Amino acid sequence: MQKKLIALAVAGALTAPLAAHADAPTVYGKIHVSIESISNDNSAADPDSGLATSTNSSRLGVKGSSDLDNGMKLVYQMEGEVGVGATSKNNFMSRNTYVGLAGDFGTILTGRHDTPFKGVGRSVDYFGDGMGDSRTVINPDKKYYDLRPDNVIAYATPEMGGFSAVLAYVTDAADDTKDDGKQTATSLSATYKAGSLMLGLGYQSLSKDATGGEAETATRLVGSYNFGSFEVSALVQNMTAHKGIDGKDGSAMGIGGKLDLGAGSDIRAQYYSMAAWDDADDTDVSKFAIGYFTKLAKKTTLYVSYASVANGDASSVNLNDNGGHGDAGPATTSAGGSPNAIGVGLIHSF
C-alpha cells in the first residue's frame, strides 16, 4: 500500500509516493546542458558576444525511505550539483539534502532545502534552469527571495482534497543573504489542485537582526489552467523592505503559455517584468523567452530557445543572473543593456 507524502521540491509542494519497505536507496539525477550564442550588450567588454556552453543545474542524488517500528517512515535525500564540462560546478551535496519523518500526519524534515516560497515560483516557470529562467526578474539581487538555505526545519501536510501546505523556519539564513551575523526566515506555501486548475500562494519573511534593518517580506500568487492542448500560467509578486531598507518596495508579474503539438512536442513562451524599486527612475527590468521542446525518449528532451532581457537605464541585469542557468557568456551587461541569446539544449533525467 502506498502512502502519499508531501515533500518540498524545486516545483513547490508536491505529493511523492513512497513504497512500503523501500529500504534500498534510489540513485537519480538530471543532466541539462546547452550551447548558446550570446550577446551581452556591453560596449566595454571584449568580446561582448560569442558561443558558450552551459551546465544548467545538472545534479546527482540519492534518496529513499525506511519503515520504522511505530508505523512511520524515515525519509532522506542527498543531492549535489554536477558541472558537466565545468569542474568548478561540482559541489558535493550542495542542493537539497535532508532527513525527516513521514506518516499519515505529513512530513517533518530538517537540513538544506528550497523554501516553500521558492517552490511556488518554480511551479509556473516553463524555462526553469535555462536561459529563459524567470528568476532573472522575480529573484532580484540573488538569494534574497528564492532561497535554498541550510538550517531548515519544515513541515508539509498530507494532501487533503487537492489542498496541501508547507511551512519552513530557517534558524540562520546569513550565508544565503550575504549579510554578516545571524538571520532567520519564515517561509510558507499553500497549493490547491483540482483537475486542470492549480493555484498557489507563497509568503516569506527574512529578518535583518544583524544589520538592524526592517524584516524583508515577499508574497507570491501563482496559477495555471490546462485547456487540453493549451496551458496558461501567471504570477504576481510583491516585495517590501528589500535588503532591510524601509520603503524600498517592489512588484513583479509574469504570464506564460504552452501549446501541446502532440508526439511529445510543444511550443512555450513567457514574459516576466519587475517594476522599478520604490518608483525609482529606470530600474525596471523585463524578460521574454520562447522555445520549442520535443521528447526524444520518455526521459530525454531536446529544445531550442531564445531569450532576451530589457533593462531600464539604471538596471544591468544579465541574461543568466539569479537563476539556475549556467555561467555562460563572455561578460556582464551594461546599464540599460538588452542581452539576448539563442541556443539548443538537451535534458536527460534518470
C-alpha atoms as a PDB file:
ATOM      1  CA  MET A   1       0.000   0.000   0.000  1.00  0.00           C
ATOM      2  CA  GLN A   2       1.361   3.379  -0.903  1.00  0.00           C
ATOM      3  CA  LYS A   3       1.301   6.451   1.327  1.00  0.00           C
ATOM      4  CA  LYS A   4       1.217   9.887  -0.266  1.00  0.00           C
ATOM      5  CA  LEU A   5       3.609  12.261   1.453  1.00  0.00           C
ATOM      6  CA  ILE A   6       4.224  15.904   0.724  1.00  0.00           C
ATOM      7  CA  ALA A   7       7.890  16.761   0.152  1.00  0.00           C
ATOM      8  CA  LEU A   8       9.415  20.176  -0.571  1.00  0.00           C
ATOM      9  CA  ALA A   9      10.709  20.231  -4.108  1.00  0.00           C
ATOM     10  CA  VAL A  10      12.019  22.675  -6.856  1.00  0.00           C
ATOM     11  CA  ALA A  11       8.474  22.741  -8.172  1.00  0.00           C
ATOM     12  CA  GLY A  12       6.914  23.564  -4.814  1.00  0.00           C
ATOM     13  CA  ALA A  13       4.692  21.364  -2.705  1.00  0.00           C
ATOM     14  CA  LEU A  14       4.359  18.013  -4.443  1.00  0.00           C
ATOM     15  CA  THR A  15       2.935  14.645  -3.478  1.00  0.00           C
ATOM     16  CA  ALA A  16       5.565  11.889  -3.583  1.00  0.00           C
ATOM     17  CA  PRO A  17       4.519   8.227  -3.251  1.00  0.00           C
ATOM     18  CA  LEU A  18       6.809   6.112  -1.078  1.00  0.00           C
ATOM     19  CA  ALA A  19       6.536   2.333  -1.320  1.00  0.00           C
ATOM     20  CA  ALA A  20       6.343   0.293   1.873  1.00  0.00           C
ATOM     21  CA  HIS A  21       9.564  -1.450   2.944  1.00  0.00           C
ATOM     22  CA  ALA A  22      11.507   0.667   0.443  1.00  0.00           C
ATOM     23  CA  ASP A  23      14.813   0.381   2.284  1.00  0.00           C
ATOM     24  CA  ALA A  24      17.029   0.349  -0.831  1.00  0.00           C
ATOM     25  CA  PRO A  25      18.150   3.880  -1.762  1.00  0.00           C
ATOM     26  CA  THR A  26      17.428   5.276  -5.227  1.00  0.00           C
ATOM     27  CA  VAL A  27      20.172   6.953  -7.248  1.00  0.00           C
ATOM     28  CA  TYR A  28      18.781   9.654  -9.528  1.00  0.00           C
ATOM     29  CA  GLY A  29      19.918  12.685 -11.462  1.00  0.00           C
ATOM     30  CA  LYS A  30      19.460  15.145 -14.290  1.00  0.00           C
ATOM     31  CA  ILE A  31      21.873  16.296 -16.977  1.00  0.00           C
ATOM     32  CA  HIS A  32      20.933  19.628 -18.542  1.00  0.00           C
ATOM     33  CA  VAL A  33      23.450  21.116 -20.983  1.00  0.00           C
ATOM     34  CA  SER A  34      23.106  23.784 -23.644  1.00  0.00           C
ATOM     35  CA  ILE A  35      25.098  25.527 -26.369  1.00  0.00           C
ATOM     36  CA  GLU A  36      24.233  29.183 -26.870  1.00  0.00           C
ATOM     37  CA  SER A  37      25.124  32.177 -28.974  1.00  0.00           C
ATOM     38  CA  ILE A  38      25.019  35.085 -26.527  1.00  0.00           C
ATOM     39  CA  SER A  39      25.153  38.846 -26.877  1.00  0.00           C
ATOM     40  CA  ASN A  40      25.623  40.598 -23.527  1.00  0.00           C
ATOM     41  CA  ASP A  41      25.202  44.139 -24.890  1.00  0.00           C
ATOM     42  CA  ASN A  42      28.234  45.528 -23.092  1.00  0.00           C
ATOM     43  CA  SER A  43      30.240  48.040 -25.124  1.00  0.00           C
ATOM     44  CA  ALA A  44      33.150  47.882 -22.657  1.00  0.00           C
ATOM     45  CA  ALA A  45      33.594  44.113 -22.938  1.00  0.00           C
ATOM     46  CA  ASP A  46      35.964  42.306 -25.267  1.00  0.00           C
ATOM     47  CA  PRO A  47      34.475  40.098 -26.506  1.00  0.00           C
ATOM     48  CA  ASP A  48      30.922  41.281 -25.988  1.00  0.00           C
ATOM     49  CA  SER A  49      29.311  38.225 -27.560  1.00  0.00           C
ATOM     50  CA  GLY A  50      30.186  34.691 -28.528  1.00  0.00           C
ATOM     51  CA  LEU A  51      29.445  30.986 -28.324  1.00  0.00           C
ATOM     52  CA  ALA A  52      29.147  29.433 -24.872  1.00  0.00           C
ATOM     53  CA  THR A  53      28.296  26.108 -23.238  1.00  0.00           C
ATOM     54  CA  SER A  54      26.296  25.858 -20.024  1.00  0.00           C
ATOM     55  CA  THR A  55      25.572  23.192 -17.435  1.00  0.00           C
ATOM     56  CA  ASN A  56      22.197  24.207 -16.072  1.00  0.00           C
ATOM     57  CA  SER A  57      21.665  22.905 -12.535  1.00  0.00           C
ATOM     58  CA  SER A  58      22.666  19.377 -13.515  1.00  0.00           C
ATOM     59  CA  ARG A  59      22.520  17.171 -10.450  1.00  0.00           C
ATOM     60  CA  LEU A  60      23.151  13.759  -8.899  1.00  0.00           C
ATOM     61  CA  GLY A  61      21.442  12.473  -5.784  1.00  0.00           C
ATOM     62  CA  VAL A  62      20.448   9.598  -3.540  1.00  0.00           C
ATOM     63  CA  LYS A  63      17.048   9.370  -1.855  1.00  0.00           C
ATOM     64  CA  GLY A  64      14.998   6.788  -0.031  1.00  0.00           C
ATOM     65  CA  SER A  65      12.894   5.784   2.923  1.00  0.00           C
ATOM     66  CA  SER A  66      12.890   3.175   5.652  1.00  0.00           C
ATOM     67  CA  ASP A  67       9.966   1.772   7.657  1.00  0.00           C
ATOM     68  CA  LEU A  68      10.084   2.408  11.398  1.00  0.00           C
ATOM     69  CA  ASP A  69       8.597   0.247  14.145  1.00  0.00           C
ATOM     70  CA  ASN A  70       5.925   2.827  15.040  1.00  0.00           C
ATOM     71  CA  GLY A  71       4.362   2.874  11.553  1.00  0.00           C
ATOM     72  CA  MET A  72       6.204   5.983  10.395  1.00  0.00           C
ATOM     73  CA  LYS A  73       8.952   6.229   7.804  1.00  0.00           C
ATOM     74  CA  LEU A  74      12.369   7.775   7.856  1.00  0.00           C
ATOM     75  CA  VAL A  75      12.890   9.738   4.622  1.00  0.00           C
ATOM     76  CA  TYR A  76      16.151  11.184   3.340  1.00  0.00           C
ATOM     77  CA  GLN A  77      17.782  12.807   0.344  1.00  0.00           C
ATOM     78  CA  MET A  78      21.342  13.862  -0.517  1.00  0.00           C
ATOM     79  CA  GLU A  79      21.756  15.862  -3.738  1.00  0.00           C
ATOM     80  CA  GLY A  80      24.677  17.719  -5.281  1.00  0.00           C
ATOM     81  CA  GLU A  81      25.368  19.901  -8.291  1.00  0.00           C
ATOM     82  CA  VAL A  82      27.222  18.345 -11.218  1.00  0.00           C
ATOM     83  CA  GLY A  83      29.221  20.508 -13.592  1.00  0.00           C
ATOM     84  CA  VAL A  84      29.041  18.840 -17.000  1.00  0.00           C
ATOM     85  CA  GLY A  85      32.193  20.217 -18.608  1.00  0.00           C
ATOM     86  CA  ALA A  86      32.757  22.641 -15.702  1.00  0.00           C
ATOM     87  CA  THR A  87      34.606  21.167 -12.733  1.00  0.00           C
ATOM     88  CA  SER A  88      34.004  24.345 -10.708  1.00  0.00           C
ATOM     89  CA  LYS A  89      30.299  23.411 -10.658  1.00  0.00           C
ATOM     90  CA  ASN A  90      30.881  20.056  -8.932  1.00  0.00           C
ATOM     91  CA  ASN A  91      29.564  20.829  -5.457  1.00  0.00           C
ATOM     92  CA  PHE A  92      29.090  17.813  -3.212  1.00  0.00           C
ATOM     93  CA  MET A  93      25.642  17.778  -1.578  1.00  0.00           C
ATOM     94  CA  SER A  94      25.114  21.480  -2.304  1.00  0.00           C
ATOM     95  CA  ARG A  95      21.472  21.009  -3.276  1.00  0.00           C
ATOM     96  CA  ASN A  96      18.521  19.706  -1.228  1.00  0.00           C
ATOM     97  CA  THR A  97      19.950  17.421   1.448  1.00  0.00           C
ATOM     98  CA  TYR A  98      17.797  16.460   4.423  1.00  0.00           C
ATOM     99  CA  VAL A  99      16.439  13.773   6.752  1.00  0.00           C
ATOM    100  CA  GLY A 100      12.922  13.542   8.139  1.00  0.00           C
ATOM    101  CA  LEU A 101       9.965  11.551   9.449  1.00  0.00           C
ATOM    102  CA  ALA A 102       6.815  10.860   7.430  1.00  0.00           C
ATOM    103  CA  GLY A 103       3.440   9.397   8.241  1.00  0.00           C
ATOM    104  CA  ASP A 104      -0.283   9.994   7.951  1.00  0.00           C
ATOM    105  CA  PHE A 105       0.309  13.367   9.628  1.00  0.00           C
ATOM    106  CA  GLY A 106       2.552  14.566   6.791  1.00  0.00           C
ATOM    107  CA  THR A 107       6.323  15.046   6.686  1.00  0.00           C
ATOM    108  CA  ILE A 108       8.756  16.767   9.046  1.00  0.00           C
ATOM    109  CA  LEU A 109      12.295  17.308   7.805  1.00  0.00           C
ATOM    110  CA  THR A 110      15.460  19.200   8.613  1.00  0.00           C
ATOM    111  CA  GLY A 111      18.539  20.028   6.584  1.00  0.00           C
ATOM    112  CA  ARG A 112      19.269  22.095   3.488  1.00  0.00           C
ATOM    113  CA  HIS A 113      16.228  22.725   1.284  1.00  0.00           C
ATOM    114  CA  ASP A 114      14.445  25.096  -1.065  1.00  0.00           C
ATOM    115  CA  THR A 115      11.971  27.285   0.782  1.00  0.00           C
ATOM    116  CA  PRO A 116       8.241  26.798   0.087  1.00  0.00           C
ATOM    117  CA  PHE A 117       8.145  30.351  -1.287  1.00  0.00           C
ATOM    118  CA  LYS A 118      10.698  29.365  -3.913  1.00  0.00           C
ATOM    119  CA  GLY A 119       8.726  26.252  -4.830  1.00  0.00           C
ATOM    120  CA  VAL A 120       5.624  28.300  -5.626  1.00  0.00           C
ATOM    121  CA  GLY A 121       7.542  30.332  -8.204  1.00  0.00           C
ATOM    122  CA  ARG A 122       9.135  27.246  -9.759  1.00  0.00           C
ATOM    123  CA  SER A 123       5.718  25.653 -10.350  1.00  0.00           C
ATOM    124  CA  VAL A 124       4.791  28.093 -13.172  1.00  0.00           C
ATOM    125  CA  ASP A 125       8.172  28.604 -14.886  1.00  0.00           C
ATOM    126  CA  TYR A 126       8.311  26.976 -18.343  1.00  0.00           C
ATOM    127  CA  PHE A 127      12.063  27.639 -18.720  1.00  0.00           C
ATOM    128  CA  GLY A 128      13.390  26.683 -15.277  1.00  0.00           C
ATOM    129  CA  ASP A 129      17.207  26.414 -15.075  1.00  0.00           C
ATOM    130  CA  GLY A 130      17.579  27.502 -18.707  1.00  0.00           C
ATOM    131  CA  MET A 131      18.433  30.880 -20.179  1.00  0.00           C
ATOM    132  CA  GLY A 132      14.735  31.840 -20.049  1.00  0.00           C
ATOM    133  CA  ASP A 133      14.558  31.258 -16.252  1.00  0.00           C
ATOM    134  CA  SER A 134      12.103  33.718 -14.638  1.00  0.00           C
ATOM    135  CA  ARG A 135      14.329  34.234 -11.572  1.00  0.00           C
ATOM    136  CA  THR A 136      16.262  36.866 -13.523  1.00  0.00           C
ATOM    137  CA  VAL A 137      13.230  39.049 -12.759  1.00  0.00           C
ATOM    138  CA  ILE A 138      11.475  37.613  -9.681  1.00  0.00           C
ATOM    139  CA  ASN A 139      14.657  36.904  -7.673  1.00  0.00           C
ATOM    140  CA  PRO A 140      16.402  40.328  -7.768  1.00  0.00           C
ATOM    141  CA  ASP A 141      19.837  40.641  -6.154  1.00  0.00           C
ATOM    142  CA  LYS A 142      20.172  36.855  -5.957  1.00  0.00           C
ATOM    143  CA  LYS A 143      19.384  34.883  -2.781  1.00  0.00           C
ATOM    144  CA  TYR A 144      17.060  37.325  -1.101  1.00  0.00           C
ATOM    145  CA  TYR A 145      13.900  35.563  -2.266  1.00  0.00           C
ATOM    146  CA  ASP A 146      14.406  32.159  -3.935  1.00  0.00           C
ATOM    147  CA  LEU A 147      16.421  30.643  -1.118  1.00  0.00           C
ATOM    148  CA  ARG A 148      17.940  27.197  -0.626  1.00  0.00           C
ATOM    149  CA  PRO A 149      19.271  27.729   2.892  1.00  0.00           C
ATOM    150  CA  ASP A 150      20.941  25.461   5.406  1.00  0.00           C
ATOM    151  CA  ASN A 151      19.356  25.065   8.845  1.00  0.00           C
ATOM    152  CA  VAL A 152      15.796  24.442   7.616  1.00  0.00           C
ATOM    153  CA  ILE A 153      13.056  22.918   9.765  1.00  0.00           C
ATOM    154  CA  ALA A 154       9.979  22.173   7.645  1.00  0.00           C
ATOM    155  CA  TYR A 155       6.556  20.571   7.924  1.00  0.00           C
ATOM    156  CA  ALA A 156       4.472  19.502   4.912  1.00  0.00           C
ATOM    157  CA  THR A 157       0.852  18.467   5.260  1.00  0.00           C
ATOM    158  CA  PRO A 158      -0.605  15.435   3.501  1.00  0.00           C
ATOM    159  CA  GLU A 159      -2.807  16.181   0.514  1.00  0.00           C
ATOM    160  CA  MET A 160      -6.374  16.909   1.616  1.00  0.00           C
ATOM    161  CA  GLY A 161      -8.913  17.204  -1.178  1.00  0.00           C
ATOM    162  CA  GLY A 162      -6.407  18.821  -3.516  1.00  0.00           C
ATOM    163  CA  PHE A 163      -5.035  21.166  -0.843  1.00  0.00           C
ATOM    164  CA  SER A 164      -1.521  20.982   0.616  1.00  0.00           C
ATOM    165  CA  ALA A 165       0.664  23.346   2.607  1.00  0.00           C
ATOM    166  CA  VAL A 166       4.313  23.640   3.644  1.00  0.00           C
ATOM    167  CA  LEU A 167       5.767  25.671   6.496  1.00  0.00           C
ATOM    168  CA  ALA A 168       9.515  26.188   6.946  1.00  0.00           C
ATOM    169  CA  TYR A 169      11.626  28.015   9.505  1.00  0.00           C
ATOM    170  CA  VAL A 170      15.286  28.837   8.857  1.00  0.00           C
ATOM    171  CA  THR A 171      17.294  29.196  12.056  1.00  0.00           C
ATOM    172  CA  ASP A 172      20.185  31.003  10.343  1.00  0.00           C
ATOM    173  CA  ALA A 173      19.982  32.245   6.752  1.00  0.00           C
ATOM    174  CA  ALA A 174      23.047  34.514   6.889  1.00  0.00           C
ATOM    175  CA  ASP A 175      25.025  32.547   4.300  1.00  0.00           C
ATOM    176  CA  ASP A 176      22.243  32.925   1.751  1.00  0.00           C
ATOM    177  CA  THR A 177      21.740  36.668   2.145  1.00  0.00           C
ATOM    178  CA  LYS A 178      25.451  37.500   2.248  1.00  0.00           C
ATOM    179  CA  ASP A 179      24.857  39.528   5.412  1.00  0.00           C
ATOM    180  CA  ASP A 180      27.057  39.138   8.475  1.00  0.00           C
ATOM    181  CA  GLY A 181      25.519  37.719  11.609  1.00  0.00           C
ATOM    182  CA  LYS A 182      22.505  35.605  12.379  1.00  0.00           C
ATOM    183  CA  GLN A 183      19.376  35.982  10.256  1.00  0.00           C
ATOM    184  CA  THR A 184      16.163  33.959  10.483  1.00  0.00           C
ATOM    185  CA  ALA A 185      13.488  33.310   7.901  1.00  0.00           C
ATOM    186  CA  THR A 186       9.914  32.038   7.842  1.00  0.00           C
ATOM    187  CA  SER A 187       8.535  30.690   4.578  1.00  0.00           C
ATOM    188  CA  LEU A 188       5.227  29.048   3.730  1.00  0.00           C
ATOM    189  CA  SER A 189       3.154  27.927   0.778  1.00  0.00           C
ATOM    190  CA  ALA A 190      -0.390  26.721   0.149  1.00  0.00           C
ATOM    191  CA  THR A 191      -1.348  24.903  -3.044  1.00  0.00           C
ATOM    192  CA  TYR A 192      -4.700  23.794  -4.404  1.00  0.00           C
ATOM    193  CA  LYS A 193      -5.118  21.446  -7.384  1.00  0.00           C
ATOM    194  CA  ALA A 194      -8.440  20.410  -8.897  1.00  0.00           C
ATOM    195  CA  GLY A 195      -8.485  18.894 -12.361  1.00  0.00           C
ATOM    196  CA  SER A 196      -6.908  21.362 -14.803  1.00  0.00           C
ATOM    197  CA  LEU A 197      -6.639  24.162 -12.232  1.00  0.00           C
ATOM    198  CA  MET A 198      -3.681  24.921  -9.957  1.00  0.00           C
ATOM    199  CA  LEU A 199      -3.493  27.824  -7.523  1.00  0.00           C
ATOM    200  CA  GLY A 200      -0.568  28.601  -5.223  1.00  0.00           C
ATOM    201  CA  LEU A 201       0.271  31.185  -2.589  1.00  0.00           C
ATOM    202  CA  GLY A 202       3.691  31.798  -1.060  1.00  0.00           C
ATOM    203  CA  TYR A 203       4.882  34.099   1.716  1.00  0.00           C
ATOM    204  CA  GLN A 204       8.357  34.715   3.128  1.00  0.00           C
ATOM    205  CA  SER A 205       9.836  36.941   5.824  1.00  0.00           C
ATOM    206  CA  LEU A 206      13.592  37.346   6.256  1.00  0.00           C
ATOM    207  CA  SER A 207      14.816  39.060   9.397  1.00  0.00           C
ATOM    208  CA  LYS A 208      17.567  41.691   9.420  1.00  0.00           C
ATOM    209  CA  ASP A 209      18.636  41.310  13.038  1.00  0.00           C
ATOM    210  CA  ALA A 210      22.346  41.710  12.358  1.00  0.00           C
ATOM    211  CA  THR A 211      22.019  44.890  10.312  1.00  0.00           C
ATOM    212  CA  GLY A 212      19.175  46.436  12.277  1.00  0.00           C
ATOM    213  CA  GLY A 213      17.038  46.836   9.173  1.00  0.00           C
ATOM    214  CA  GLU A 214      13.402  46.037   8.567  1.00  0.00           C
ATOM    215  CA  ALA A 215      12.285  42.455   8.009  1.00  0.00           C
ATOM    216  CA  GLU A 216      12.201  41.762   4.280  1.00  0.00           C
ATOM    217  CA  THR A 217       8.923  40.203   3.123  1.00  0.00           C
ATOM    218  CA  ALA A 218       7.549  38.885  -0.139  1.00  0.00           C
ATOM    219  CA  THR A 219       4.265  37.404  -1.331  1.00  0.00           C
ATOM    220  CA  ARG A 220       3.633  35.338  -4.456  1.00  0.00           C
ATOM    221  CA  LEU A 221       0.360  34.312  -6.043  1.00  0.00           C
ATOM    222  CA  VAL A 222       0.508  31.864  -8.950  1.00  0.00           C
ATOM    223  CA  GLY A 223      -1.960  29.945 -11.043  1.00  0.00           C
ATOM    224  CA  SER A 224      -2.247  27.759 -14.105  1.00  0.00           C
ATOM    225  CA  TYR A 225      -5.035  26.195 -16.138  1.00  0.00           C
ATOM    226  CA  ASN A 226      -4.793  23.437 -18.712  1.00  0.00           C
ATOM    227  CA  PHE A 227      -7.374  23.607 -21.518  1.00  0.00           C
ATOM    228  CA  GLY A 228      -6.205  20.311 -23.020  1.00  0.00           C
ATOM    229  CA  SER A 229      -3.763  21.182 -25.774  1.00  0.00           C
ATOM    230  CA  PHE A 230      -3.008  24.626 -24.343  1.00  0.00           C
ATOM    231  CA  GLU A 231      -1.938  25.717 -20.853  1.00  0.00           C
ATOM    232  CA  VAL A 232      -1.614  29.212 -19.393  1.00  0.00           C
ATOM    233  CA  SER A 233       0.123  30.334 -16.200  1.00  0.00           C
ATOM    234  CA  ALA A 234       0.579  33.583 -14.298  1.00  0.00           C
ATOM    235  CA  LEU A 235       2.470  35.016 -11.315  1.00  0.00           C
ATOM    236  CA  VAL A 236       2.065  38.179  -9.240  1.00  0.00           C
ATOM    237  CA  GLN A 237       4.686  39.126  -6.613  1.00  0.00           C
ATOM    238  CA  ASN A 238       5.038  41.931  -4.061  1.00  0.00           C
ATOM    239  CA  MET A 239       8.208  42.709  -2.078  1.00  0.00           C
ATOM    240  CA  THR A 240       8.758  45.062   0.863  1.00  0.00           C
ATOM    241  CA  ALA A 241      11.854  46.399   2.634  1.00  0.00           C
ATOM    242  CA  HIS A 242      14.301  44.972   0.104  1.00  0.00           C
ATOM    243  CA  LYS A 243      17.671  44.330   1.819  1.00  0.00           C
ATOM    244  CA  GLY A 244      16.043  45.622   5.012  1.00  0.00           C
ATOM    245  CA  ILE A 245      15.579  49.161   3.678  1.00  0.00           C
ATOM    246  CA  ASP A 246      12.290  50.634   4.869  1.00  0.00           C
ATOM    247  CA  GLY A 247      10.218  51.864   1.930  1.00  0.00           C
ATOM    248  CA  LYS A 248      12.239  50.024  -0.722  1.00  0.00           C
ATOM    249  CA  ASP A 249       9.307  48.080  -2.157  1.00  0.00           C
ATOM    250  CA  GLY A 250       8.790  46.418  -5.496  1.00  0.00           C
ATOM    251  CA  SER A 251       6.472  44.253  -7.545  1.00  0.00           C
ATOM    252  CA  ALA A 252       6.774  41.721 -10.343  1.00  0.00           C
ATOM    253  CA  MET A 253       4.457  39.829 -12.655  1.00  0.00           C
ATOM    254  CA  GLY A 254       4.637  37.122 -15.253  1.00  0.00           C
ATOM    255  CA  ILE A 255       2.493  35.286 -17.771  1.00  0.00           C
ATOM    256  CA  GLY A 256       3.219  32.227 -19.866  1.00  0.00           C
ATOM    257  CA  GLY A 257       1.671  29.698 -22.211  1.00  0.00           C
ATOM    258  CA  LYS A 258       2.430  26.246 -23.597  1.00  0.00           C
ATOM    259  CA  LEU A 259       0.896  24.713 -26.740  1.00  0.00           C
ATOM    260  CA  ASP A 260       0.951  20.912 -26.988  1.00  0.00           C
ATOM    261  CA  LEU A 261       1.792  19.840 -30.550  1.00  0.00           C
ATOM    262  CA  GLY A 262       1.421  16.120 -29.870  1.00  0.00           C
ATOM    263  CA  ALA A 263       4.047  13.358 -30.066  1.00  0.00           C
ATOM    264  CA  GLY A 264       5.827  14.803 -27.032  1.00  0.00           C
ATOM    265  CA  SER A 265       6.462  18.233 -28.556  1.00  0.00           C
ATOM    266  CA  ASP A 266       5.352  21.705 -27.522  1.00  0.00           C
ATOM    267  CA  ILE A 267       5.925  25.409 -28.083  1.00  0.00           C
ATOM    268  CA  ARG A 268       6.138  27.589 -24.972  1.00  0.00           C
ATOM    269  CA  ALA A 269       6.666  31.263 -24.203  1.00  0.00           C
ATOM    270  CA  GLN A 270       6.667  33.534 -21.160  1.00  0.00           C
ATOM    271  CA  TYR A 271       7.117  37.184 -20.230  1.00  0.00           C
ATOM    272  CA  TYR A 272       8.154  38.487 -16.787  1.00  0.00           C
ATOM    273  CA  SER A 273       8.685  42.045 -15.617  1.00  0.00           C
ATOM    274  CA  MET A 274       9.620  43.860 -12.409  1.00  0.00           C
ATOM    275  CA  ALA A 275       8.629  47.438 -11.689  1.00  0.00           C
ATOM    276  CA  ALA A 276      11.230  49.946 -10.558  1.00  0.00           C
ATOM    277  CA  TRP A 277      12.143  49.795  -6.853  1.00  0.00           C
ATOM    278  CA  ASP A 278      10.045  52.306  -4.922  1.00  0.00           C
ATOM    279  CA  ASP A 279       9.184  54.039  -8.209  1.00  0.00           C
ATOM    280  CA  ALA A 280      12.865  54.838  -8.749  1.00  0.00           C
ATOM    281  CA  ASP A 281      13.621  56.004 -12.270  1.00  0.00           C
ATOM    282  CA  ASP A 282      14.836  53.452 -14.831  1.00  0.00           C
ATOM    283  CA  THR A 283      15.443  50.457 -12.516  1.00  0.00           C
ATOM    284  CA  ASP A 284      12.791  48.266 -14.133  1.00  0.00           C
ATOM    285  CA  VAL A 285      13.637  45.019 -15.949  1.00  0.00           C
ATOM    286  CA  SER A 286      11.752  42.508 -18.102  1.00  0.00           C
ATOM    287  CA  LYS A 287      12.492  39.163 -19.754  1.00  0.00           C
ATOM    288  CA  PHE A 288      10.963  37.305 -22.697  1.00  0.00           C
ATOM    289  CA  ALA A 289      11.571  33.669 -23.651  1.00  0.00           C
ATOM    290  CA  ILE A 290      10.224  31.368 -26.360  1.00  0.00           C
ATOM    291  CA  GLY A 291      11.172  27.812 -27.223  1.00  0.00           C
ATOM    292  CA  TYR A 292      10.375  24.534 -28.956  1.00  0.00           C
ATOM    293  CA  PHE A 293      10.705  21.362 -26.846  1.00  0.00           C
ATOM    294  CA  THR A 294      10.484  17.770 -28.083  1.00  0.00           C
ATOM    295  CA  LYS A 295      10.920  14.433 -26.316  1.00  0.00           C
ATOM    296  CA  LEU A 296      13.456  12.091 -27.882  1.00  0.00           C
ATOM    297  CA  ALA A 297      12.514   9.444 -25.311  1.00  0.00           C
ATOM    298  CA  LYS A 298      10.484   9.279 -22.090  1.00  0.00           C
ATOM    299  CA  LYS A 299      13.245  10.920 -20.051  1.00  0.00           C
ATOM    300  CA  THR A 300      15.158  12.831 -22.731  1.00  0.00           C
ATOM    301  CA  THR A 301      14.179  16.250 -24.124  1.00  0.00           C
ATOM    302  CA  LEU A 302      15.780  18.347 -26.865  1.00  0.00           C
ATOM    303  CA  TYR A 303      14.953  22.036 -27.218  1.00  0.00           C
ATOM    304  CA  VAL A 304      15.818  25.243 -28.999  1.00  0.00           C
ATOM    305  CA  SER A 305      15.025  28.552 -27.316  1.00  0.00           C
ATOM    306  CA  TYR A 306      15.516  32.296 -27.468  1.00  0.00           C
ATOM    307  CA  ALA A 307      15.604  34.702 -24.506  1.00  0.00           C
ATOM    308  CA  SER A 308      16.153  38.422 -24.094  1.00  0.00           C
ATOM    309  CA  VAL A 309      16.304  40.904 -21.203  1.00  0.00           C
ATOM    310  CA  ALA A 310      15.315  44.583 -21.383  1.00  0.00           C
ATOM    311  CA  ASN A 311      16.860  46.824 -18.713  1.00  0.00           C
ATOM    312  CA  GLY A 312      15.906  50.314 -17.657  1.00  0.00           C
ATOM    313  CA  ASP A 313      18.681  52.893 -17.991  1.00  0.00           C
ATOM    314  CA  ALA A 314      19.814  52.305 -14.388  1.00  0.00           C
ATOM    315  CA  SER A 315      19.497  48.496 -14.441  1.00  0.00           C
ATOM    316  CA  SER A 316      22.134  45.967 -15.574  1.00  0.00           C
ATOM    317  CA  VAL A 317      20.557  42.541 -15.123  1.00  0.00           C
ATOM    318  CA  ASN A 318      22.260  39.921 -17.261  1.00  0.00           C
ATOM    319  CA  LEU A 319      20.607  37.038 -19.085  1.00  0.00           C
ATOM    320  CA  ASN A 320      21.718  34.381 -16.593  1.00  0.00           C
ATOM    321  CA  ASP A 321      21.516  36.419 -13.363  1.00  0.00           C
ATOM    322  CA  ASN A 322      19.837  34.970 -10.270  1.00  0.00           C
ATOM    323  CA  GLY A 323      18.614  31.677 -11.732  1.00  0.00           C
ATOM    324  CA  GLY A 324      19.679  28.113 -12.438  1.00  0.00           C
ATOM    325  CA  HIS A 325      21.157  28.837 -15.877  1.00  0.00           C
ATOM    326  CA  GLY A 326      24.865  28.056 -16.060  1.00  0.00           C
ATOM    327  CA  ASP A 327      27.569  30.704 -16.000  1.00  0.00           C
ATOM    328  CA  ALA A 328      27.639  31.295 -19.747  1.00  0.00           C
ATOM    329  CA  GLY A 329      28.653  34.309 -21.767  1.00  0.00           C
ATOM    330  CA  PRO A 330      31.765  36.446 -22.037  1.00  0.00           C
ATOM    331  CA  ALA A 331      30.770  39.484 -19.967  1.00  0.00           C
ATOM    332  CA  THR A 332      28.290  41.306 -17.787  1.00  0.00           C
ATOM    333  CA  THR A 333      25.663  43.668 -19.169  1.00  0.00           C
ATOM    334  CA  SER A 334      25.952  47.454 -19.329  1.00  0.00           C
ATOM    335  CA  ALA A 335      23.378  49.598 -17.550  1.00  0.00           C
ATOM    336  CA  GLY A 336      20.388  49.858 -19.847  1.00  0.00           C
ATOM    337  CA  GLY A 337      21.595  46.870 -21.853  1.00  0.00           C
ATOM    338  CA  SER A 338      19.446  44.322 -23.683  1.00  0.00           C
ATOM    339  CA  PRO A 339      21.301  40.986 -23.619  1.00  0.00           C
ATOM    340  CA  ASN A 340      19.883  38.128 -25.670  1.00  0.00           C
ATOM    341  CA  ALA A 341      20.745  34.588 -26.725  1.00  0.00           C
ATOM    342  CA  ILE A 342      19.621  31.704 -28.883  1.00  0.00           C
ATOM    343  CA  GLY A 343      20.604  28.161 -28.065  1.00  0.00           C
ATOM    344  CA  VAL A 344      19.961  24.451 -28.181  1.00  0.00           C
ATOM    345  CA  GLY A 345      19.770  22.267 -25.085  1.00  0.00           C
ATOM    346  CA  LEU A 346      19.494  18.652 -24.009  1.00  0.00           C
ATOM    347  CA  ILE A 347      17.871  17.400 -20.776  1.00  0.00           C
ATOM    348  CA  HIS A 348      18.092  13.789 -19.578  1.00  0.00           C
ATOM    349  CA  SER A 349      16.698  12.550 -16.275  1.00  0.00           C
ATOM    350  CA  PHE A 350      17.375   9.156 -14.670  1.00  0.00           C
END
